[in-house]
Amino acid sequence: MLFLPEDVFDLCLDRAKKLMGSEKYNSWLSNACFRSFNDGVFTIGLDSEIRVNFVTHNYKTNLEELLREVSGDPEVSVVFTHLPETLSLGKVSNSSRHELFSNFLKSGYVFDRFIQGPNNRLAFATAYSVACEMGHSSSNPLFIYGGVGLGKTHLIQAIAHHVKTHHPNKTFCYISSEEFLTMFLRAMIPNKNNFMEMENFKDKFRNSHYLIMDDVQFLSNKETTQDLFFHLFNDLYLRGRQIIVTSDRPPHELEPLAERLISRFQSGMVVDIKPPMLETRLAILNQKLRDENIHLDNDVVFYLAETVKSNVRQLEGAVNLLAANIRIQNFVPTIDNVRSIITEYLGSSSRRLNPSSITSIVGEYFGINPNALKGKKRKREILIPRQVSMFLLRDLTNLSLEEIGDFFDRDHSTVLNAIKRVNCMISEDSFFKRKILDIRESLLG
């Protein structure tokens, strides 16, 4: 292959979005990430088994055709996996387990490469502090929250890297809540060694000096798992071990998470990460452009920083797309050419602001399948995102109450009540208000 596999995949995704349309792309492939390329096989990560099964069944052949077209290699193929990149066990005794899952830590996610700004300075300082000094009472647990793609995972992986490099006598366990749940369910499968399986599962965490968990909000509605995590939390905390978790929302918004867990999270240091300001976006862009060995005129860099502003991940995605086009298609990055490709990458407001795109973004922010928002369930974790979707559709589009109701299979009075309810929550809850503003900014690009 003449080009980097990562570039080929980025360009393939860009073409797939144009062919599939934004709605289908956002539902199934927007979170796809390149994992590896070996022996002609692209391994692509998706965030759930459901997406792996659906994409494999419905889009695998089309994606392989695109990959072959872009790479020029007629033999390449693709496989999909949902195994998370967020599982790492640090040194546990003197055995070889030190390196067991180290490949799941991204090498670039270290403190030196984290761009600080007003939006994340406190989160950075606190994360660095707990990496240097374990279990300090005022910062234990450390709870970091913020929207999608703002740098939470970068910070907690930086903690793991720091511990691994500077405190080799310390042990750490870095894991996503989804993988924690998966491992727990496997340990519960009935067999003759069931007791030992469960004890081995618990020991993975009991032996850690640092327990680092990403996306803790996904423990909601998992009562048995929450109960186990609560007892592990207490055991580690009482022994002076450091606990770090991330979430897309502050602790008090994690209902229906058990109140005792919320209380534990609130007992330490709670810090948030907001969307980056212009100066921070410029610094992130310049770092990423240096990494890719790409030179852009200052007016092009400034245009990117002004235009791509919802989160860091979107900024990096824009640079990856430009890099792929420059290397593979001899793309000349003039301001007009870049504006054309970035406009297509972001989508125009008229294309993005419709019922499907808005519910897709809202679902992503709340960790809910967008299709569930059109269903009949009235559980809080679905009801509130549904009401937010109705509110934003009324706020950002010209749709009538009746048209919004038709999309959700509800009448106009339900939509009106939802709008009133969201307005009420915005006026009463500053954290909820900030979440709505983050989603709104993401939609408006």
Protein backbone atom coordinates (compact mmCIF):
# COMPACT_ATOMS: atom_id res chain seq x y z
CA MET A 1 0.00 0.00 0.00
CA LEU A 2 1.50 3.34 -1.06
CA PHE A 3 -0.24 5.40 1.64
CA LEU A 4 -0.71 5.21 5.39
CA PRO A 5 -3.63 2.90 6.24
CA GLU A 6 -5.00 5.58 8.60
CA ASP A 7 -5.18 8.06 5.70
CA VAL A 8 -6.87 5.52 3.45
CA PHE A 9 -9.47 4.82 6.12
CA ASP A 10 -10.14 8.53 6.79
CA LEU A 11 -10.71 9.19 3.11
CA CYS A 12 -12.89 6.08 2.85
CA LEU A 13 -15.07 7.35 5.70
CA ASP A 14 -15.43 10.73 4.00
CA ARG A 15 -16.66 9.04 0.82
CA ALA A 16 -18.93 6.70 2.79
CA LYS A 17 -20.61 9.70 4.42
CA LYS A 18 -21.38 11.21 1.02
CA LEU A 19 -22.76 7.92 -0.32
CA MET A 20 -24.78 6.94 2.77
CA GLY A 21 -26.08 10.36 3.72
CA SER A 22 -25.56 12.07 7.08
CA GLU A 23 -28.42 10.32 8.87
CA LYS A 24 -27.26 6.75 8.25
CA TYR A 25 -23.61 7.69 8.62
CA ASN A 26 -24.17 9.37 12.00
CA SER A 27 -26.19 6.40 13.23
CA TRP A 28 -23.67 3.69 12.33
CA LEU A 29 -20.23 4.93 11.31
CA SER A 30 -19.60 8.34 12.90
CA ASN A 31 -17.75 6.70 15.83
CA ALA A 32 -15.73 4.26 13.70
CA CYS A 33 -12.01 4.41 14.39
CA PHE A 34 -8.96 2.86 12.74
CA ARG A 35 -7.35 0.19 14.93
CA SER A 36 -4.78 -1.64 12.80
CA PHE A 37 -3.80 -2.87 9.34
CA ASN A 38 -2.15 -6.29 9.06
CA ASP A 39 -1.83 -8.70 6.15
CA GLY A 40 -4.23 -6.71 4.01
CA VAL A 41 -6.94 -6.50 6.69
CA PHE A 42 -8.23 -3.24 8.15
CA THR A 43 -9.46 -3.66 11.73
CA ILE A 44 -12.03 -0.98 12.54
CA GLY A 45 -13.35 -0.24 16.02
CA LEU A 46 -17.01 0.47 16.73
CA ASP A 47 -18.48 1.31 20.12
CA SER A 48 -20.92 -1.58 20.57
CA GLU A 49 -21.62 -5.15 19.50
CA ILE A 50 -24.90 -3.94 17.98
CA ARG A 51 -23.07 -1.60 15.62
CA VAL A 52 -20.51 -4.30 14.76
CA ASN A 53 -23.25 -6.74 13.76
CA PHE A 54 -25.28 -4.18 11.80
CA VAL A 55 -22.34 -2.63 9.94
CA THR A 56 -20.86 -6.04 9.14
CA HIS A 57 -24.16 -7.24 7.72
CA ASN A 58 -25.16 -4.06 5.86
CA TYR A 59 -22.05 -2.07 4.94
CA LYS A 60 -19.00 -4.35 4.97
CA THR A 61 -19.02 -5.03 1.22
CA ASN A 62 -19.46 -1.35 0.35
CA LEU A 63 -16.68 -0.26 2.69
CA GLU A 64 -14.32 -2.88 1.28
CA GLU A 65 -15.01 -1.58 -2.22
CA LEU A 66 -14.22 1.97 -1.08
CA LEU A 67 -11.04 0.86 0.68
CA ARG A 68 -9.87 -1.00 -2.42
CA GLU A 69 -10.64 2.00 -4.61
CA VAL A 70 -8.83 4.48 -2.35
CA SER A 71 -5.82 2.26 -1.59
CA GLY A 72 -5.42 0.84 -5.07
CA ASP A 73 -5.13 -2.63 -3.56
CA PRO A 74 -7.86 -5.01 -4.83
CA GLU A 75 -7.18 -7.54 -2.06
CA VAL A 76 -7.75 -5.51 1.10
CA SER A 77 -10.61 -6.46 3.42
CA VAL A 78 -12.14 -5.14 6.62
CA VAL A 79 -13.24 -6.56 9.97
CA PHE A 80 -15.06 -4.77 12.77
CA THR A 81 -14.60 -5.07 16.52
CA HIS A 82 -16.24 -3.53 19.58
CA LEU A 83 -13.40 -4.38 21.97
CA PRO A 84 -12.62 -1.04 23.64
CA GLU A 85 -9.33 0.79 23.47
CA THR A 86 -9.84 1.76 27.09
CA LEU A 87 -8.62 -1.30 28.97
CA SER A 88 -5.21 -1.36 30.55
CA LEU A 89 -3.84 -3.14 33.56
CA GLY A 90 -0.64 -1.77 34.99
CA LYS A 91 1.94 -3.78 36.87
CA VAL A 92 0.39 -6.38 39.18
CA SER A 93 3.29 -8.05 41.03
CA ASN A 94 6.40 -9.07 39.11
CA SER A 95 4.60 -11.08 36.45
CA SER A 96 4.29 -10.32 32.77
CA ARG A 97 0.83 -8.82 33.36
CA HIS A 98 2.54 -5.42 33.44
CA GLU A 99 2.25 -5.27 29.66
CA LEU A 100 -0.92 -7.31 29.31
CA PHE A 101 -3.13 -4.53 28.01
CA SER A 102 -0.68 -1.68 27.48
CA ASN A 103 -1.58 -1.55 23.78
CA PHE A 104 -4.91 -0.01 24.73
CA LEU A 105 -3.18 3.14 25.99
CA LYS A 106 -2.64 5.60 23.14
CA SER A 107 0.97 6.74 23.04
CA GLY A 108 0.03 10.36 22.30
CA TYR A 109 -2.31 10.68 25.27
CA VAL A 110 0.28 12.05 27.71
CA PHE A 111 0.40 15.24 29.77
CA ASP A 112 3.03 16.89 27.57
CA ARG A 113 0.72 16.72 24.57
CA PHE A 114 -2.41 18.01 26.30
CA ILE A 115 -3.15 21.57 25.16
CA GLN A 116 -4.26 23.68 28.11
CA GLY A 117 -6.70 26.56 27.99
CA PRO A 118 -9.29 28.28 30.20
CA ASN A 119 -11.72 25.48 29.37
CA ASN A 120 -9.63 22.66 30.87
CA ARG A 121 -6.83 24.12 33.04
CA LEU A 122 -8.28 23.02 36.39
CA ALA A 123 -8.98 19.51 35.08
CA PHE A 124 -5.40 19.25 33.82
CA ALA A 125 -3.85 20.50 37.07
CA THR A 126 -5.93 18.13 39.18
CA ALA A 127 -5.22 15.13 36.93
CA TYR A 128 -1.49 15.83 37.03
CA SER A 129 -1.63 16.21 40.81
CA VAL A 130 -3.25 12.81 41.39
CA ALA A 131 -0.83 11.18 38.93
CA CYS A 132 2.05 12.45 41.06
CA GLU A 133 0.49 11.89 44.48
CA MET A 134 -1.91 9.00 44.95
CA GLY A 135 -4.99 9.15 47.16
CA HIS A 136 -4.85 12.75 48.37
CA SER A 137 -8.11 13.15 50.26
CA SER A 138 -9.24 16.38 48.58
CA SER A 139 -8.88 14.86 45.09
CA ASN A 140 -10.05 11.31 45.77
CA PRO A 141 -12.11 10.42 43.91
CA LEU A 142 -11.37 12.63 40.93
CA PHE A 143 -14.48 13.04 38.78
CA ILE A 144 -13.95 14.63 35.34
CA TYR A 145 -16.98 15.42 33.21
CA GLY A 146 -17.67 17.15 29.91
CA GLY A 147 -19.12 16.71 26.45
CA VAL A 148 -18.00 14.38 23.70
CA GLY A 149 -14.45 14.75 22.35
CA LEU A 150 -13.20 17.41 24.79
CA GLY A 151 -10.20 15.54 26.23
CA LYS A 152 -11.43 13.53 29.21
CA THR A 153 -9.96 10.28 27.90
CA HIS A 154 -6.69 12.03 27.04
CA LEU A 155 -6.32 13.22 30.64
CA ILE A 156 -7.02 9.91 32.33
CA GLN A 157 -4.79 8.00 29.91
CA ALA A 158 -2.11 10.57 30.71
CA ILE A 159 -2.48 9.61 34.37
CA ALA A 160 -1.99 5.93 33.47
CA HIS A 161 1.08 6.75 31.34
CA HIS A 162 2.57 8.86 34.13
CA VAL A 163 2.08 6.14 36.73
CA LYS A 164 3.55 3.52 34.43
CA THR A 165 6.61 5.65 33.65
CA HIS A 166 7.33 7.43 36.93
CA HIS A 167 5.90 5.05 39.56
CA PRO A 168 6.75 1.52 38.36
CA ASN A 169 6.09 0.17 41.85
CA LYS A 170 2.46 1.30 41.62
CA THR A 171 -0.32 -0.68 39.92
CA PHE A 172 -3.20 0.72 37.93
CA CYS A 173 -6.31 -0.53 36.20
CA TYR A 174 -7.69 1.56 33.36
CA ILE A 175 -11.01 0.40 31.96
CA SER A 176 -14.23 1.65 30.40
CA SER A 177 -17.47 1.12 32.29
CA GLU A 178 -18.75 -0.94 29.34
CA GLU A 179 -15.78 -3.30 29.59
CA PHE A 180 -16.16 -3.44 33.38
CA LEU A 181 -19.76 -4.57 32.84
CA THR A 182 -18.75 -7.11 30.17
CA MET A 183 -16.06 -8.64 32.41
CA PHE A 184 -18.48 -8.76 35.33
CA LEU A 185 -21.15 -10.55 33.28
CA ARG A 186 -18.60 -13.09 32.06
CA ALA A 187 -17.54 -13.76 35.65
CA MET A 188 -21.18 -14.42 36.56
CA ILE A 189 -21.72 -17.13 33.91
CA PRO A 190 -22.66 -20.28 35.87
CA ASN A 191 -19.90 -22.91 35.96
CA LYS A 192 -18.11 -25.07 38.48
CA ASN A 193 -15.45 -22.40 39.02
CA ASN A 194 -17.94 -19.56 39.37
CA PHE A 195 -16.70 -18.45 42.79
CA MET A 196 -13.10 -18.32 41.64
CA GLU A 197 -14.07 -16.47 38.46
CA MET A 198 -15.76 -13.75 40.50
CA GLU A 199 -12.89 -13.50 42.98
CA ASN A 200 -10.36 -13.25 40.15
CA PHE A 201 -12.48 -10.50 38.60
CA LYS A 202 -12.53 -8.54 41.88
CA ASP A 203 -8.80 -9.04 42.43
CA LYS A 204 -8.02 -7.27 39.18
CA PHE A 205 -9.29 -4.11 40.84
CA ARG A 206 -8.49 -4.74 44.51
CA ASN A 207 -4.78 -4.98 43.70
CA SER A 208 -4.71 -1.59 41.97
CA HIS A 209 -3.24 1.57 43.42
CA TYR A 210 -5.15 3.52 40.75
CA LEU A 211 -8.61 2.61 39.45
CA ILE A 212 -9.34 4.66 36.32
CA MET A 213 -12.77 4.25 34.73
CA ASP A 214 -13.99 5.99 31.58
CA ASP A 215 -17.68 6.83 30.87
CA VAL A 216 -19.06 5.86 34.26
CA GLN A 217 -22.52 7.06 33.16
CA PHE A 218 -23.01 3.71 31.41
CA LEU A 219 -23.34 2.00 34.79
CA SER A 220 -26.79 3.59 35.07
CA ASN A 221 -29.62 1.04 35.28
CA LYS A 222 -27.13 -1.74 36.12
CA GLU A 223 -28.02 -2.23 39.80
CA THR A 224 -25.95 -5.37 40.45
CA THR A 225 -22.91 -3.89 38.72
CA GLN A 226 -23.34 -0.64 40.63
CA ASP A 227 -23.46 -2.57 43.88
CA LEU A 228 -20.19 -4.36 43.06
CA PHE A 229 -18.52 -1.12 41.97
CA PHE A 230 -19.67 0.61 45.18
CA HIS A 231 -17.99 -2.04 47.35
CA LEU A 232 -14.82 -1.98 45.24
CA PHE A 233 -14.84 1.81 45.47
CA ASN A 234 -15.10 1.72 49.28
CA ASP A 235 -12.43 -0.96 49.60
CA LEU A 236 -9.94 1.01 47.49
CA TYR A 237 -10.81 4.36 49.06
CA LEU A 238 -10.38 3.12 52.64
CA ARG A 239 -6.95 1.79 51.70
CA GLY A 240 -5.89 5.16 50.31
CA ARG A 241 -5.99 4.09 46.66
CA GLN A 242 -6.78 6.66 43.96
CA ILE A 243 -10.07 6.50 42.03
CA ILE A 244 -10.56 8.49 38.81
CA VAL A 245 -13.73 8.41 36.71
CA THR A 246 -15.08 10.34 33.73
CA SER A 247 -18.62 11.06 32.67
CA ASP A 248 -20.49 13.13 30.12
CA ARG A 249 -22.39 14.89 32.94
CA PRO A 250 -21.85 15.93 36.58
CA PRO A 251 -22.59 13.44 39.39
CA HIS A 252 -25.98 14.82 40.35
CA GLU A 253 -27.23 14.30 36.78
CA LEU A 254 -26.32 10.61 36.75
CA GLU A 255 -29.78 9.38 37.70
CA PRO A 256 -30.78 6.58 37.93
CA LEU A 257 -27.29 5.86 39.31
CA ALA A 258 -27.52 4.83 42.98
CA GLU A 259 -27.55 7.82 45.33
CA ARG A 260 -24.74 6.35 47.43
CA LEU A 261 -22.47 6.22 44.36
CA ILE A 262 -23.34 9.79 43.40
CA SER A 263 -22.52 10.84 46.97
CA ARG A 264 -19.14 9.09 46.76
CA PHE A 265 -18.34 10.85 43.48
CA GLN A 266 -19.23 14.23 44.97
CA SER A 267 -17.05 13.65 48.03
CA GLY A 268 -13.79 14.29 46.18
CA MET A 269 -12.82 16.68 43.38
CA VAL A 270 -15.36 17.32 40.60
CA VAL A 271 -13.99 19.19 37.56
CA ASP A 272 -15.39 19.82 34.12
CA ILE A 273 -13.96 20.35 30.64
CA LYS A 274 -15.73 22.83 28.36
CA PRO A 275 -15.43 23.26 24.58
CA PRO A 276 -12.09 24.88 23.64
CA MET A 277 -11.90 28.62 22.98
CA LEU A 278 -10.37 30.02 19.77
CA GLU A 279 -6.83 30.35 21.13
CA THR A 280 -6.89 26.77 22.42
CA ARG A 281 -8.27 25.49 19.12
CA LEU A 282 -5.43 27.24 17.27
CA ALA A 283 -2.86 25.59 19.54
CA ILE A 284 -4.47 22.16 19.07
CA LEU A 285 -4.55 22.62 15.30
CA ASN A 286 -0.91 23.67 15.11
CA GLN A 287 0.15 20.66 17.19
CA LYS A 288 -1.84 18.28 15.01
CA LEU A 289 -0.53 19.86 11.78
CA ARG A 290 3.06 19.43 13.04
CA ASP A 291 2.31 15.79 13.81
CA GLU A 292 1.06 15.28 10.26
CA ASN A 293 3.95 17.33 8.78
CA ILE A 294 1.46 19.58 7.01
CA HIS A 295 2.03 23.28 6.37
CA LEU A 296 -1.00 25.51 5.95
CA ASP A 297 -1.14 29.24 5.44
CA ASN A 298 -2.12 31.22 8.52
CA ASP A 299 -5.45 32.24 7.03
CA VAL A 300 -6.32 28.57 6.43
CA VAL A 301 -5.40 27.60 10.00
CA PHE A 302 -7.45 30.49 11.37
CA TYR A 303 -10.41 29.49 9.18
CA LEU A 304 -10.26 25.94 10.56
CA ALA A 305 -10.08 27.18 14.15
CA GLU A 306 -13.02 29.53 13.62
CA THR A 307 -15.13 26.97 11.79
CA VAL A 308 -14.49 23.65 13.56
CA LYS A 309 -15.24 24.51 17.17
CA SER A 310 -17.50 22.02 18.90
CA ASN A 311 -14.78 19.70 20.28
CA VAL A 312 -11.17 18.53 19.97
CA ARG A 313 -12.09 15.27 18.26
CA GLN A 314 -13.83 17.17 15.46
CA LEU A 315 -10.73 19.35 15.01
CA GLU A 316 -8.50 16.30 14.77
CA GLY A 317 -10.92 14.67 12.35
CA ALA A 318 -10.77 17.72 10.08
CA VAL A 319 -6.96 17.60 10.01
CA ASN A 320 -6.98 13.85 9.37
CA LEU A 321 -9.30 14.39 6.43
CA LEU A 322 -7.10 17.13 4.99
CA ALA A 323 -4.01 14.97 5.48
CA ALA A 324 -5.61 12.05 3.67
CA ASN A 325 -6.62 14.25 0.73
CA ILE A 326 -3.21 15.92 0.51
CA ARG A 327 -1.31 12.62 0.52
CA ILE A 328 -3.59 10.55 -1.63
CA GLN A 329 -5.22 13.00 -4.05
CA ASN A 330 -2.56 15.74 -4.33
CA PHE A 331 -5.03 18.12 -2.72
CA VAL A 332 -3.80 21.75 -2.71
CA PRO A 333 -4.84 23.30 0.65
CA THR A 334 -5.81 26.78 -0.50
CA ILE A 335 -8.40 28.61 1.55
CA ASP A 336 -11.11 27.96 -1.06
CA ASN A 337 -10.27 24.25 -1.36
CA VAL A 338 -10.16 23.79 2.40
CA ARG A 339 -13.42 25.69 2.84
CA SER A 340 -15.05 23.37 0.31
CA ILE A 341 -13.90 20.17 1.96
CA ILE A 342 -14.61 21.38 5.53
CA THR A 343 -18.08 22.55 4.56
CA GLU A 344 -18.74 19.05 3.26
CA TYR A 345 -17.17 17.54 6.38
CA LEU A 346 -19.34 19.54 8.76
CA GLY A 347 -22.43 19.67 6.58
CA SER A 348 -24.39 22.85 6.03
CA SER A 349 -26.80 24.03 8.72
CA SER A 350 -29.80 23.29 6.55
CA ARG A 351 -28.69 19.67 6.12
CA ARG A 352 -27.67 19.18 9.76
CA LEU A 353 -30.65 20.79 11.45
CA ASN A 354 -33.39 18.25 10.88
CA PRO A 355 -35.14 15.73 13.16
CA SER A 356 -32.76 12.87 12.39
CA SER A 357 -29.53 14.83 12.79
CA ILE A 358 -30.68 16.57 15.98
CA THR A 359 -31.85 13.35 17.67
CA SER A 360 -28.59 11.69 16.60
CA ILE A 361 -26.48 14.39 18.30
CA VAL A 362 -28.72 14.48 21.38
CA GLY A 363 -28.56 10.69 21.63
CA GLU A 364 -24.75 10.82 21.44
CA TYR A 365 -24.53 13.41 24.23
CA PHE A 366 -26.85 11.47 26.53
CA GLY A 367 -25.50 8.01 25.63
CA ILE A 368 -28.86 6.90 24.19
CA ASN A 369 -29.65 5.17 20.89
CA PRO A 370 -31.43 7.86 18.81
CA ASN A 371 -34.06 5.33 17.76
CA ALA A 372 -35.11 4.95 21.41
CA LEU A 373 -36.12 8.61 21.47
CA LYS A 374 -38.95 7.85 19.05
CA GLY A 375 -40.18 4.90 21.11
CA LYS A 376 -42.81 4.69 23.82
CA LYS A 377 -40.58 4.26 26.88
CA ARG A 378 -40.88 7.02 29.48
CA LYS A 379 -37.90 6.20 31.68
CA ARG A 380 -36.06 9.33 32.76
CA GLU A 381 -32.87 8.47 30.86
CA ILE A 382 -34.92 8.41 27.62
CA LEU A 383 -37.63 10.94 28.44
CA ILE A 384 -35.28 13.86 29.08
CA PRO A 385 -33.21 13.43 25.86
CA ARG A 386 -36.51 13.11 23.96
CA GLN A 387 -37.76 16.38 25.48
CA VAL A 388 -34.42 18.05 24.71
CA SER A 389 -34.71 16.91 21.09
CA MET A 390 -38.18 18.43 20.84
CA PHE A 391 -36.93 21.66 22.42
CA LEU A 392 -34.00 21.95 20.01
CA LEU A 393 -36.13 21.13 16.97
CA ARG A 394 -38.47 23.96 17.90
CA ASP A 395 -35.53 26.29 18.65
CA LEU A 396 -33.33 25.55 15.63
CA THR A 397 -35.75 24.66 12.83
CA ASN A 398 -38.92 26.04 11.30
CA LEU A 399 -40.91 22.90 12.10
CA SER A 400 -44.31 23.38 13.71
CA LEU A 401 -45.34 21.69 16.95
CA GLU A 402 -47.46 19.29 14.89
CA GLU A 403 -44.57 18.38 12.59
CA ILE A 404 -42.25 17.75 15.53
CA GLY A 405 -44.95 15.66 17.17
CA ASP A 406 -45.41 13.61 14.00
CA PHE A 407 -41.70 12.72 13.98
CA PHE A 408 -41.93 11.37 17.54
CA ASP A 409 -45.44 9.92 17.03
CA ARG A 410 -46.83 12.32 19.65
CA ASP A 411 -49.40 15.12 19.55
CA HIS A 412 -48.51 18.81 19.61
CA SER A 413 -49.48 19.22 23.28
CA THR A 414 -46.82 16.69 24.28
CA VAL A 415 -44.23 18.71 22.33
CA LEU A 416 -45.37 21.93 23.98
CA ASN A 417 -45.12 20.38 27.44
CA ALA A 418 -41.63 19.06 26.61
CA ILE A 419 -40.48 22.54 25.58
CA LYS A 420 -41.87 24.05 28.79
CA ARG A 421 -40.20 21.33 30.85
CA VAL A 422 -36.78 21.90 29.24
CA ASN A 423 -37.09 25.68 29.67
CA CYS A 424 -37.86 25.09 33.34
CA MET A 425 -34.85 22.81 33.82
CA ILE A 426 -32.60 25.32 32.04
CA SER A 427 -33.69 28.10 34.42
CA GLU A 428 -33.28 25.93 37.53
CA ASP A 429 -30.13 23.92 36.75
CA SER A 430 -26.94 25.60 35.51
CA PHE A 431 -25.31 22.25 34.64
CA PHE A 432 -28.29 21.25 32.50
CA LYS A 433 -28.24 24.67 30.85
CA ARG A 434 -24.57 24.22 29.95
CA LYS A 435 -25.30 20.79 28.46
CA ILE A 436 -28.03 22.28 26.23
CA LEU A 437 -25.64 25.04 25.14
CA ASP A 438 -22.94 22.45 24.34
CA ILE A 439 -25.37 20.41 22.22
CA ARG A 440 -26.64 23.55 20.51
CA GLU A 441 -23.11 24.67 19.67
CA SER A 442 -22.27 21.22 18.34
CA LEU A 443 -25.30 21.32 16.04
CA LEU A 444 -24.54 24.82 14.79
CA GLY A 445 -20.89 23.88 14.16
